[in-house]
Each structure stands twice: as structure tokens, then as C-alpha cells.
Protein backbone atom coordinates (compact mmCIF):
# COMPACT_ATOMS: atom_id res chain seq x y z
CA MET A 1 145.03 56.57 46.44
CA GLN A 2 148.00 55.25 47.34
CA ASP A 3 151.31 56.40 44.87
CA ILE A 4 152.28 53.67 41.93
CA ARG A 5 155.76 53.42 41.17
CA ARG A 6 156.79 53.44 37.97
CA ILE A 7 157.78 49.93 36.58
CA HIS A 8 161.50 51.21 36.81
CA GLU A 9 161.45 51.82 40.20
CA LEU A 10 160.02 48.38 40.30
CA ASN A 11 162.77 46.53 38.69
CA ASP A 12 165.10 44.85 41.80
CA VAL A 13 162.15 44.86 44.08
CA ALA A 14 160.21 41.28 44.25
CA THR A 15 156.54 40.89 43.33
CA SER A 16 155.38 39.99 46.07
CA SER A 17 156.56 43.54 48.03
CA TRP A 18 154.60 45.46 45.18
CA THR A 19 151.47 46.82 46.53
CA GLU A 20 148.13 45.59 45.23
CA GLU A 21 147.46 48.86 43.49
CA GLU A 22 151.05 48.79 41.54
CA LEU A 23 149.60 44.79 40.33
CA HIS A 24 146.97 45.21 38.91
CA TYR A 25 147.96 48.44 37.17
CA HIS A 26 151.10 46.72 35.89
CA GLN A 27 149.36 43.94 35.12
CA ARG A 28 146.93 45.94 32.73
CA VAL A 29 149.64 47.71 31.42
CA MET A 30 151.99 45.13 30.34
CA SER A 31 149.31 43.45 28.75
CA ASP A 32 148.07 46.22 26.65
CA LEU A 33 151.94 46.39 25.11
CA SER A 34 152.40 42.59 25.17
CA PRO A 35 152.53 42.32 21.39
CA TRP A 36 156.13 44.72 21.99
CA LEU A 37 157.51 43.05 25.13
CA ASN A 38 161.01 41.99 24.99
CA ALA A 39 161.84 38.67 26.39
CA GLN A 40 162.62 40.04 29.60
CA GLY A 41 159.32 42.67 29.92
CA THR A 42 157.16 39.25 28.78
CA ALA A 43 159.14 37.44 32.22
CA MET A 44 157.99 40.76 34.37
CA LEU A 45 154.36 40.21 32.83
CA GLY A 46 154.83 36.66 34.16
CA GLN A 47 155.76 37.35 37.38
CA ILE A 48 152.98 39.36 38.01
CA ILE A 49 150.58 37.04 37.29
CA HIS A 50 151.51 34.71 39.32
CA GLU A 51 151.45 36.94 41.93
CA ILE A 52 148.09 38.86 41.93
CA GLU A 53 147.08 35.01 40.99
CA GLU A 54 149.13 33.64 44.73
CA ARG A 55 147.17 36.70 46.88
CA GLY A 56 143.76 35.56 44.93
């Protein structure tokens, strides 16, 4: 399994550069935490979901 970078390491990296594993891992974690996400976290989750959908 490839190493998954932590979310703070990915803050300045476009989601298009994230690996499939990183996208799915952080989408799952952030979705679980969604009731407690601030506006920035909600926006990031939206970008992750959009990138997953774009990749098919």
C-alpha cells in the first residue's frame, strides 16, 4: 500500500495531484467528521468529492 499523506501535507497540493488512495481515505474520514467541519473543511471535502467524480 502506498503511503497516504496527511491532510495538512496536502493543503497546498491540488486535488488533481492526489493519489486515488489519498482521495478515498480523506473523503471517508472527512465525511465521518462532516458535522464538525468548518467552512474550509466543507469546501475541501467538496473538492475531494468533485475530483473523485471527475476521475470516474
